Amino acid sequence: MGEDDFGHLERLVSELDSRGLHARLVRTRSGRPFVRVINPNATSLAENVTCRAQPATAPRPPDVYYWWSWGERMHTVEDPAGAATKVARVLAAVGE
């Protein structure tokens, strides 16, 4: 994982924080870094988001995306605000 990927994750943390969610970048000794996101109004609502390239299917550089913890591609890293909106929607408590 390159420094650009850390930058993408840090921008996502900033966007999530601005939406009132608790988010932090977690770096592990082994494995992929991720953003841990928690809804402070319902702490059981939490998610881990990673950042990685989509495998290239054409002779061009692969596109980089944010990914849900269950391995589904979420959103392009070029739009961290859009990704944060998706995460906030998934982690919203009833009535929020």
PDB file of N, CA and C in Angstrom:
ATOM      1  N   MET A   1       0.846  -1.175   0.000  1.00  0.00           N
ATOM      2  CA  MET A   1       0.000   0.000   0.000  1.00  0.00           C
ATOM      3  C   MET A   1       0.889   1.235   0.000  1.00  0.00           C
ATOM      4  N   GLY A   2       0.642   2.134  -0.912  1.00  0.00           N
ATOM      5  CA  GLY A   2       1.468   3.319  -1.036  1.00  0.00           C
ATOM      6  C   GLY A   2       0.979   4.475  -0.196  1.00  0.00           C
ATOM      7  N   GLU A   3       1.781   5.520  -0.153  1.00  0.00           N
ATOM      8  CA  GLU A   3       1.411   6.719   0.598  1.00  0.00           C
ATOM      9  C   GLU A   3       0.149   7.368   0.038  1.00  0.00           C
ATOM     10  N   ASP A   4      -0.071   7.247  -1.288  1.00  0.00           N
ATOM     11  CA  ASP A   4      -1.301   7.784  -1.869  1.00  0.00           C
ATOM     12  C   ASP A   4      -2.522   7.131  -1.244  1.00  0.00           C
ATOM     13  N   ASP A   5      -2.437   5.810  -1.006  1.00  0.00           N
ATOM     14  CA  ASP A   5      -3.555   5.101  -0.402  1.00  0.00           C
ATOM     15  C   ASP A   5      -3.817   5.591   1.016  1.00  0.00           C
ATOM     16  N   PHE A   6      -2.756   5.860   1.793  1.00  0.00           N
ATOM     17  CA  PHE A   6      -2.940   6.445   3.122  1.00  0.00           C
ATOM     18  C   PHE A   6      -3.632   7.800   3.016  1.00  0.00           C
ATOM     19  N   GLY A   7      -3.240   8.575   2.022  1.00  0.00           N
ATOM     20  CA  GLY A   7      -3.875   9.871   1.806  1.00  0.00           C
ATOM     21  C   GLY A   7      -5.357   9.729   1.515  1.00  0.00           C
ATOM     22  N   HIS A   8      -5.721   8.741   0.710  1.00  0.00           N
ATOM     23  CA  HIS A   8      -7.138   8.490   0.409  1.00  0.00           C
ATOM     24  C   HIS A   8      -7.895   8.143   1.687  1.00  0.00           C
ATOM     25  N   LEU A   9      -7.311   7.295   2.520  1.00  0.00           N
ATOM     26  CA  LEU A   9      -7.961   6.916   3.770  1.00  0.00           C
ATOM     27  C   LEU A   9      -8.062   8.103   4.729  1.00  0.00           C
ATOM     28  N   GLU A  10      -7.026   8.918   4.788  1.00  0.00           N
ATOM     29  CA  GLU A  10      -7.061  10.097   5.661  1.00  0.00           C
ATOM     30  C   GLU A  10      -8.132  11.092   5.213  1.00  0.00           C
ATOM     31  N   ARG A  11      -8.301  11.259   3.904  1.00  0.00           N
ATOM     32  CA  ARG A  11      -9.357  12.152   3.407  1.00  0.00           C
ATOM     33  C   ARG A  11     -10.740  11.598   3.762  1.00  0.00           C
ATOM     34  N   LEU A  12     -10.889  10.288   3.712  1.00  0.00           N
ATOM     35  CA  LEU A  12     -12.163   9.681   4.104  1.00  0.00           C
ATOM     36  C   LEU A  12     -12.431   9.923   5.587  1.00  0.00           C
ATOM     37  N   VAL A  13     -11.414   9.770   6.427  1.00  0.00           N
ATOM     38  CA  VAL A  13     -11.569  10.033   7.870  1.00  0.00           C
ATOM     39  C   VAL A  13     -12.070  11.457   8.085  1.00  0.00           C
ATOM     40  N   SER A  14     -11.501  12.410   7.404  1.00  0.00           N
ATOM     41  CA  SER A  14     -11.908  13.806   7.537  1.00  0.00           C
ATOM     42  C   SER A  14     -13.378  13.996   7.153  1.00  0.00           C
ATOM     43  N   GLU A  15     -13.781  13.387   6.054  1.00  0.00           N
ATOM     44  CA  GLU A  15     -15.177  13.498   5.602  1.00  0.00           C
ATOM     45  C   GLU A  15     -16.136  12.834   6.593  1.00  0.00           C
ATOM     46  N   LEU A  16     -15.756  11.688   7.109  1.00  0.00           N
ATOM     47  CA  LEU A  16     -16.606  10.990   8.080  1.00  0.00           C
ATOM     48  C   LEU A  16     -16.738  11.783   9.370  1.00  0.00           C
ATOM     49  N   ASP A  17     -15.632  12.345   9.837  1.00  0.00           N
ATOM     50  CA  ASP A  17     -15.657  13.189  11.036  1.00  0.00           C
ATOM     51  C   ASP A  17     -16.601  14.371  10.852  1.00  0.00           C
ATOM     52  N   SER A  18     -16.599  14.963   9.669  1.00  0.00           N
ATOM     53  CA  SER A  18     -17.449  16.127   9.415  1.00  0.00           C
ATOM     54  C   SER A  18     -18.931  15.759   9.420  1.00  0.00           C
ATOM     55  N   ARG A  19     -19.234  14.472   9.305  1.00  0.00           N
ATOM     56  CA  ARG A  19     -20.618  13.994   9.348  1.00  0.00           C
ATOM     57  C   ARG A  19     -21.008  13.493  10.741  1.00  0.00           C
ATOM     58  N   GLY A  20     -20.144  13.717  11.722  1.00  0.00           N
ATOM     59  CA  GLY A  20     -20.453  13.351  13.100  1.00  0.00           C
ATOM     60  C   GLY A  20     -20.158  11.914  13.465  1.00  0.00           C
ATOM     61  N   LEU A  21     -19.484  11.190  12.579  1.00  0.00           N
ATOM     62  CA  LEU A  21     -19.097   9.816  12.880  1.00  0.00           C
ATOM     63  C   LEU A  21     -17.691   9.820  13.472  1.00  0.00           C
ATOM     64  N   HIS A  22     -17.395   8.821  14.306  1.00  0.00           N
ATOM     65  CA  HIS A  22     -16.038   8.667  14.822  1.00  0.00           C
ATOM     66  C   HIS A  22     -15.274   7.789  13.842  1.00  0.00           C
ATOM     67  N   ALA A  23     -14.186   8.306  13.306  1.00  0.00           N
ATOM     68  CA  ALA A  23     -13.393   7.551  12.323  1.00  0.00           C
ATOM     69  C   ALA A  23     -11.918   7.707  12.654  1.00  0.00           C
ATOM     70  N   ARG A  24     -11.190   6.592  12.500  1.00  0.00           N
ATOM     71  CA  ARG A  24      -9.740   6.661  12.698  1.00  0.00           C
ATOM     72  C   ARG A  24      -9.069   5.683  11.752  1.00  0.00           C
ATOM     73  N   LEU A  25      -7.873   6.049  11.355  1.00  0.00           N
ATOM     74  CA  LEU A  25      -7.064   5.203  10.481  1.00  0.00           C
ATOM     75  C   LEU A  25      -6.324   4.202  11.353  1.00  0.00           C
ATOM     76  N   VAL A  26      -6.486   2.928  11.050  1.00  0.00           N
ATOM     77  CA  VAL A  26      -5.855   1.852  11.809  1.00  0.00           C
ATOM     78  C   VAL A  26      -4.768   1.239  10.937  1.00  0.00           C
ATOM     79  N   ARG A  27      -3.546   1.253  11.449  1.00  0.00           N
ATOM     80  CA  ARG A  27      -2.418   0.632  10.757  1.00  0.00           C
ATOM     81  C   ARG A  27      -2.028  -0.616  11.533  1.00  0.00           C
ATOM     82  N   THR A  28      -1.939  -1.717  10.830  1.00  0.00           N
ATOM     83  CA  THR A  28      -1.579  -2.976  11.476  1.00  0.00           C
ATOM     84  C   THR A  28      -0.173  -3.384  11.066  1.00  0.00           C
ATOM     85  N   ARG A  29       0.440  -4.217  11.880  1.00  0.00           N
ATOM     86  CA  ARG A  29       1.782  -4.704  11.528  1.00  0.00           C
ATOM     87  C   ARG A  29       1.740  -5.551  10.271  1.00  0.00           C
ATOM     88  N   SER A  30       0.708  -6.341  10.149  1.00  0.00           N
ATOM     89  CA  SER A  30       0.537  -7.140   8.939  1.00  0.00           C
ATOM     90  C   SER A  30      -0.896  -6.937   8.465  1.00  0.00           C
ATOM     91  N   GLY A  31      -1.066  -6.915   7.200  1.00  0.00           N
ATOM     92  CA  GLY A  31      -2.401  -6.692   6.675  1.00  0.00           C
ATOM     93  C   GLY A  31      -2.587  -5.272   6.198  1.00  0.00           C
ATOM     94  N   ARG A  32      -3.735  -5.039   5.646  1.00  0.00           N
ATOM     95  CA  ARG A  32      -4.069  -3.770   5.019  1.00  0.00           C
ATOM     96  C   ARG A  32      -4.581  -2.762   6.049  1.00  0.00           C
ATOM     97  N   PRO A  33      -4.106  -1.520   6.006  1.00  0.00           N
ATOM     98  CA  PRO A  33      -4.667  -0.480   6.878  1.00  0.00           C
ATOM     99  C   PRO A  33      -6.145  -0.267   6.530  1.00  0.00           C
ATOM    100  N   PHE A  34      -6.891   0.243   7.481  1.00  0.00           N
ATOM    101  CA  PHE A  34      -8.310   0.477   7.240  1.00  0.00           C
ATOM    102  C   PHE A  34      -8.790   1.645   8.085  1.00  0.00           C
ATOM    103  N   VAL A  35      -9.965   2.129   7.750  1.00  0.00           N
ATOM    104  CA  VAL A  35     -10.615   3.166   8.537  1.00  0.00           C
ATOM    105  C   VAL A  35     -11.695   2.485   9.365  1.00  0.00           C
ATOM    106  N   ARG A  36     -11.634   2.669  10.674  1.00  0.00           N
ATOM    107  CA  ARG A  36     -12.661   2.156  11.592  1.00  0.00           C
ATOM    108  C   ARG A  36     -13.640   3.284  11.820  1.00  0.00           C
ATOM    109  N   VAL A  37     -14.912   3.036  11.529  1.00  0.00           N
ATOM    110  CA  VAL A  37     -15.954   4.056  11.641  1.00  0.00           C
ATOM    111  C   VAL A  37     -17.019   3.574  12.616  1.00  0.00           C
ATOM    112  N   ILE A  38     -17.405   4.451  13.538  1.00  0.00           N
ATOM    113  CA  ILE A  38     -18.427   4.121  14.532  1.00  0.00           C
ATOM    114  C   ILE A  38     -19.425   5.274  14.605  1.00  0.00           C
ATOM    115  N   ASN A  39     -20.698   4.921  14.670  1.00  0.00           N
ATOM    116  CA  ASN A  39     -21.736   5.914  14.910  1.00  0.00           C
ATOM    117  C   ASN A  39     -21.774   6.163  16.418  1.00  0.00           C
ATOM    118  N   PRO A  40     -21.438   7.367  16.883  1.00  0.00           N
ATOM    119  CA  PRO A  40     -21.384   7.617  18.330  1.00  0.00           C
ATOM    120  C   PRO A  40     -22.754   7.559  19.006  1.00  0.00           C
ATOM    121  N   ASN A  41     -23.827   7.647  18.224  1.00  0.00           N
ATOM    122  CA  ASN A  41     -25.183   7.582  18.778  1.00  0.00           C
ATOM    123  C   ASN A  41     -25.696   6.146  18.888  1.00  0.00           C
ATOM    124  N   ALA A  42     -24.992   5.230  18.259  1.00  0.00           N
ATOM    125  CA  ALA A  42     -25.360   3.807  18.294  1.00  0.00           C
ATOM    126  C   ALA A  42     -24.073   3.028  18.035  1.00  0.00           C
ATOM    127  N   THR A  43     -23.280   2.826  19.075  1.00  0.00           N
ATOM    128  CA  THR A  43     -21.919   2.298  18.898  1.00  0.00           C
ATOM    129  C   THR A  43     -21.866   0.886  18.344  1.00  0.00           C
ATOM    130  N   SER A  44     -22.982   0.177  18.331  1.00  0.00           N
ATOM    131  CA  SER A  44     -22.981  -1.142  17.695  1.00  0.00           C
ATOM    132  C   SER A  44     -22.972  -1.016  16.174  1.00  0.00           C
ATOM    133  N   LEU A  45     -23.254   0.181  15.676  1.00  0.00           N
ATOM    134  CA  LEU A  45     -23.206   0.434  14.231  1.00  0.00           C
ATOM    135  C   LEU A  45     -21.798   0.889  13.881  1.00  0.00           C
ATOM    136  N   ALA A  46     -21.031  -0.025  13.291  1.00  0.00           N
ATOM    137  CA  ALA A  46     -19.625   0.248  12.977  1.00  0.00           C
ATOM    138  C   ALA A  46     -19.255  -0.445  11.670  1.00  0.00           C
ATOM    139  N   GLU A  47     -18.191   0.032  11.064  1.00  0.00           N
ATOM    140  CA  GLU A  47     -17.738  -0.527   9.789  1.00  0.00           C
ATOM    141  C   GLU A  47     -16.243  -0.275   9.644  1.00  0.00           C
ATOM    142  N   ASN A  48     -15.573  -1.175   8.929  1.00  0.00           N
ATOM    143  CA  ASN A  48     -14.178  -0.995   8.540  1.00  0.00           C
ATOM    144  C   ASN A  48     -14.139  -0.799   7.030  1.00  0.00           C
ATOM    145  N   VAL A  49     -13.430   0.225   6.590  1.00  0.00           N
ATOM    146  CA  VAL A  49     -13.324   0.529   5.164  1.00  0.00           C
ATOM    147  C   VAL A  49     -11.858   0.467   4.753  1.00  0.00           C
ATOM    148  N   THR A  50     -11.585  -0.246   3.667  1.00  0.00           N
ATOM    149  CA  THR A  50     -10.231  -0.319   3.136  1.00  0.00           C
ATOM    150  C   THR A  50     -10.148   0.459   1.834  1.00  0.00           C
ATOM    151  N   CYS A  51      -8.940   0.518   1.306  1.00  0.00           N
ATOM    152  CA  CYS A  51      -8.676   1.208   0.047  1.00  0.00           C
ATOM    153  C   CYS A  51      -7.732   0.317  -0.754  1.00  0.00           C
ATOM    154  N   ARG A  52      -8.120   0.012  -1.986  1.00  0.00           N
ATOM    155  CA  ARG A  52      -7.234  -0.776  -2.836  1.00  0.00           C
ATOM    156  C   ARG A  52      -7.659  -0.637  -4.283  1.00  0.00           C
ATOM    157  N   ALA A  53      -6.787  -1.079  -5.151  1.00  0.00           N
ATOM    158  CA  ALA A  53      -7.047  -1.004  -6.582  1.00  0.00           C
ATOM    159  C   ALA A  53      -7.989  -2.113  -7.021  1.00  0.00           C
ATOM    160  N   GLN A  54      -8.843  -1.782  -7.963  1.00  0.00           N
ATOM    161  CA  GLN A  54      -9.652  -2.778  -8.656  1.00  0.00           C
ATOM    162  C   GLN A  54      -8.726  -3.469  -9.645  1.00  0.00           C
ATOM    163  N   PRO A  55      -8.723  -4.774  -9.695  1.00  0.00           N
ATOM    164  CA  PRO A  55      -7.858  -5.441 -10.675  1.00  0.00           C
ATOM    165  C   PRO A  55      -8.125  -4.910 -12.087  1.00  0.00           C
ATOM    166  N   ALA A  56      -7.053  -4.608 -12.785  1.00  0.00           N
ATOM    167  CA  ALA A  56      -7.176  -4.045 -14.131  1.00  0.00           C
ATOM    168  C   ALA A  56      -7.680  -5.109 -15.104  1.00  0.00           C
ATOM    169  N   THR A  57      -8.612  -4.708 -15.953  1.00  0.00           N
ATOM    170  CA  THR A  57      -9.112  -5.598 -16.997  1.00  0.00           C
ATOM    171  C   THR A  57      -8.654  -5.129 -18.371  1.00  0.00           C
ATOM    172  N   ALA A  58      -7.989  -4.023 -18.419  1.00  0.00           N
ATOM    173  CA  ALA A  58      -7.493  -3.470 -19.678  1.00  0.00           C
ATOM    174  C   ALA A  58      -6.042  -3.034 -19.462  1.00  0.00           C
ATOM    175  N   PRO A  59      -5.309  -2.802 -20.526  1.00  0.00           N
ATOM    176  CA  PRO A  59      -3.902  -2.379 -20.371  1.00  0.00           C
ATOM    177  C   PRO A  59      -3.779  -0.917 -19.941  1.00  0.00           C
ATOM    178  N   ARG A  60      -4.269  -0.611 -18.765  1.00  0.00           N
ATOM    179  CA  ARG A  60      -4.163   0.733 -18.187  1.00  0.00           C
ATOM    180  C   ARG A  60      -4.017   0.573 -16.687  1.00  0.00           C
ATOM    181  N   PRO A  61      -3.603   1.612 -15.989  1.00  0.00           N
ATOM    182  CA  PRO A  61      -3.482   1.499 -14.525  1.00  0.00           C
ATOM    183  C   PRO A  61      -4.836   1.176 -13.901  1.00  0.00           C
ATOM    184  N   PRO A  62      -4.861   0.356 -12.864  1.00  0.00           N
ATOM    185  CA  PRO A  62      -6.139   0.021 -12.222  1.00  0.00           C
ATOM    186  C   PRO A  62      -6.714   1.220 -11.472  1.00  0.00           C
ATOM    187  N   ASP A  63      -8.023   1.279 -11.396  1.00  0.00           N
ATOM    188  CA  ASP A  63      -8.710   2.305 -10.626  1.00  0.00           C
ATOM    189  C   ASP A  63      -8.670   1.921  -9.147  1.00  0.00           C
ATOM    190  N   VAL A  64      -8.614   2.933  -8.276  1.00  0.00           N
ATOM    191  CA  VAL A  64      -8.534   2.703  -6.834  1.00  0.00           C
ATOM    192  C   VAL A  64      -9.878   3.060  -6.210  1.00  0.00           C
ATOM    193  N   TYR A  65     -10.345   2.204  -5.291  1.00  0.00           N
ATOM    194  CA  TYR A  65     -11.655   2.353  -4.669  1.00  0.00           C
ATOM    195  C   TYR A  65     -11.570   2.156  -3.160  1.00  0.00           C
ATOM    196  N   TYR A  66     -12.606   2.676  -2.487  1.00  0.00           N
ATOM    197  CA  TYR A  66     -12.860   2.302  -1.107  1.00  0.00           C
ATOM    198  C   TYR A  66     -13.675   1.014  -1.169  1.00  0.00           C
ATOM    199  N   TRP A  67     -13.459   0.131  -0.174  1.00  0.00           N
ATOM    200  CA  TRP A  67     -14.130  -1.164  -0.135  1.00  0.00           C
ATOM    201  C   TRP A  67     -14.776  -1.386   1.215  1.00  0.00           C
ATOM    202  N   TRP A  68     -15.992  -1.976   1.210  1.00  0.00           N
ATOM    203  CA  TRP A  68     -16.659  -2.382   2.439  1.00  0.00           C
ATOM    204  C   TRP A  68     -15.902  -3.554   3.054  1.00  0.00           C
ATOM    205  N   SER A  69     -16.133  -3.797   4.340  1.00  0.00           N
ATOM    206  CA  SER A  69     -15.438  -4.881   5.045  1.00  0.00           C
ATOM    207  C   SER A  69     -15.785  -6.254   4.472  1.00  0.00           C
ATOM    208  N   TRP A  70     -16.926  -6.389   3.853  1.00  0.00           N
ATOM    209  CA  TRP A  70     -17.329  -7.689   3.303  1.00  0.00           C
ATOM    210  C   TRP A  70     -16.800  -7.905   1.879  1.00  0.00           C
ATOM    211  N   GLY A  71     -15.949  -6.978   1.402  1.00  0.00           N
ATOM    212  CA  GLY A  71     -15.264  -7.169   0.128  1.00  0.00           C
ATOM    213  C   GLY A  71     -15.957  -6.583  -1.088  1.00  0.00           C
ATOM    214  N   GLU A  72     -17.021  -5.843  -0.884  1.00  0.00           N
ATOM    215  CA  GLU A  72     -17.719  -5.206  -1.992  1.00  0.00           C
ATOM    216  C   GLU A  72     -17.134  -3.815  -2.250  1.00  0.00           C
ATOM    217  N   ARG A  73     -16.912  -3.513  -3.524  1.00  0.00           N
ATOM    218  CA  ARG A  73     -16.417  -2.181  -3.892  1.00  0.00           C
ATOM    219  C   ARG A  73     -17.488  -1.156  -3.538  1.00  0.00           C
ATOM    220  N   MET A  74     -17.063  -0.059  -2.877  1.00  0.00           N
ATOM    221  CA  MET A  74     -18.008   0.949  -2.420  1.00  0.00           C
ATOM    222  C   MET A  74     -18.052   2.183  -3.312  1.00  0.00           C
ATOM    223  N   HIS A  75     -16.882   2.834  -3.473  1.00  0.00           N
ATOM    224  CA  HIS A  75     -16.881   4.155  -4.115  1.00  0.00           C
ATOM    225  C   HIS A  75     -15.459   4.511  -4.546  1.00  0.00           C
ATOM    226  N   THR A  76     -15.331   5.299  -5.582  1.00  0.00           N
ATOM    227  CA  THR A  76     -14.016   5.740  -6.037  1.00  0.00           C
ATOM    228  C   THR A  76     -13.345   6.642  -5.007  1.00  0.00           C
ATOM    229  N   VAL A  77     -12.025   6.547  -4.899  1.00  0.00           N
ATOM    230  CA  VAL A  77     -11.286   7.376  -3.945  1.00  0.00           C
ATOM    231  C   VAL A  77     -11.208   8.830  -4.397  1.00  0.00           C
ATOM    232  N   GLU A  78     -11.573   9.079  -5.630  1.00  0.00           N
ATOM    233  CA  GLU A  78     -11.562  10.458  -6.136  1.00  0.00           C
ATOM    234  C   GLU A  78     -12.692  11.291  -5.527  1.00  0.00           C
ATOM    235  N   ASP A  79     -13.620  10.650  -4.837  1.00  0.00           N
ATOM    236  CA  ASP A  79     -14.763  11.332  -4.237  1.00  0.00           C
ATOM    237  C   ASP A  79     -14.974  10.848  -2.801  1.00  0.00           C
ATOM    238  N   PRO A  80     -14.080  11.248  -1.876  1.00  0.00           N
ATOM    239  CA  PRO A  80     -14.236  10.786  -0.497  1.00  0.00           C
ATOM    240  C   PRO A  80     -15.529  11.283   0.153  1.00  0.00           C
ATOM    241  N   ALA A  81     -16.047  12.428  -0.274  1.00  0.00           N
ATOM    242  CA  ALA A  81     -17.308  12.930   0.280  1.00  0.00           C
ATOM    243  C   ALA A  81     -18.458  11.991  -0.090  1.00  0.00           C
ATOM    244  N   GLY A  82     -18.472  11.509  -1.321  1.00  0.00           N
ATOM    245  CA  GLY A  82     -19.498  10.558  -1.731  1.00  0.00           C
ATOM    246  C   GLY A  82     -19.401   9.257  -0.969  1.00  0.00           C
ATOM    247  N   ALA A  83     -18.178   8.783  -0.737  1.00  0.00           N
ATOM    248  CA  ALA A  83     -17.970   7.559   0.040  1.00  0.00           C
ATOM    249  C   ALA A  83     -18.448   7.755   1.473  1.00  0.00           C
ATOM    250  N   ALA A  84     -18.141   8.900   2.062  1.00  0.00           N
ATOM    251  CA  ALA A  84     -18.555   9.185   3.435  1.00  0.00           C
ATOM    252  C   ALA A  84     -20.075   9.237   3.546  1.00  0.00           C
ATOM    253  N   THR A  85     -20.735   9.766   2.538  1.00  0.00           N
ATOM    254  CA  THR A  85     -22.197   9.802   2.528  1.00  0.00           C
ATOM    255  C   THR A  85     -22.768   8.385   2.543  1.00  0.00           C
ATOM    256  N   LYS A  86     -22.176   7.483   1.769  1.00  0.00           N
ATOM    257  CA  LYS A  86     -22.626   6.092   1.753  1.00  0.00           C
ATOM    258  C   LYS A  86     -22.430   5.432   3.109  1.00  0.00           C
ATOM    259  N   VAL A  87     -21.273   5.637   3.719  1.00  0.00           N
ATOM    260  CA  VAL A  87     -20.997   5.036   5.024  1.00  0.00           C
ATOM    261  C   VAL A  87     -21.962   5.600   6.061  1.00  0.00           C
ATOM    262  N   ALA A  88     -22.188   6.901   6.046  1.00  0.00           N
ATOM    263  CA  ALA A  88     -23.102   7.527   7.009  1.00  0.00           C
ATOM    264  C   ALA A  88     -24.511   6.967   6.857  1.00  0.00           C
ATOM    265  N   ARG A  89     -24.934   6.725   5.638  1.00  0.00           N
ATOM    266  CA  ARG A  89     -26.263   6.164   5.391  1.00  0.00           C
ATOM    267  C   ARG A  89     -26.359   4.743   5.970  1.00  0.00           C
ATOM    268  N   VAL A  90     -25.332   3.930   5.765  1.00  0.00           N
ATOM    269  CA  VAL A  90     -25.331   2.551   6.259  1.00  0.00           C
ATOM    270  C   VAL A  90     -25.290   2.518   7.788  1.00  0.00           C
ATOM    271  N   LEU A  91     -24.564   3.439   8.405  1.00  0.00           N
ATOM    272  CA  LEU A  91     -24.412   3.437   9.858  1.00  0.00           C
ATOM    273  C   LEU A  91     -25.436   4.293  10.593  1.00  0.00           C
ATOM    274  N   ALA A  92     -26.413   4.848   9.875  1.00  0.00           N
ATOM    275  CA  ALA A  92     -27.410   5.699  10.511  1.00  0.00           C
ATOM    276  C   ALA A  92     -28.327   4.873  11.416  1.00  0.00           C
ATOM    277  N   ALA A  93     -28.556   5.375  12.599  1.00  0.00           N
ATOM    278  CA  ALA A  93     -29.496   4.743  13.516  1.00  0.00           C
ATOM    279  C   ALA A  93     -30.907   5.125  13.106  1.00  0.00           C
ATOM    280  N   VAL A  94     -31.879   4.323  13.474  1.00  0.00           N
ATOM    281  CA  VAL A  94     -33.273   4.626  13.169  1.00  0.00           C
ATOM    282  C   VAL A  94     -33.615   5.988  13.759  1.00  0.00           C
ATOM    283  N   GLY A  95     -34.179   6.845  12.956  1.00  0.00           N
ATOM    284  CA  GLY A  95     -34.556   8.175  13.408  1.00  0.00           C
ATOM    285  C   GLY A  95     -33.508   9.238  13.217  1.00  0.00           C
ATOM    286  N   GLU A  96     -32.307   8.862  12.743  1.00  0.00           N
ATOM    287  CA  GLU A  96     -31.250   9.870  12.514  1.00  0.00           C
ATOM    288  C   GLU A  96     -31.443  10.527  11.165  1.00  0.00           C
TER     289      GLU A  96
END
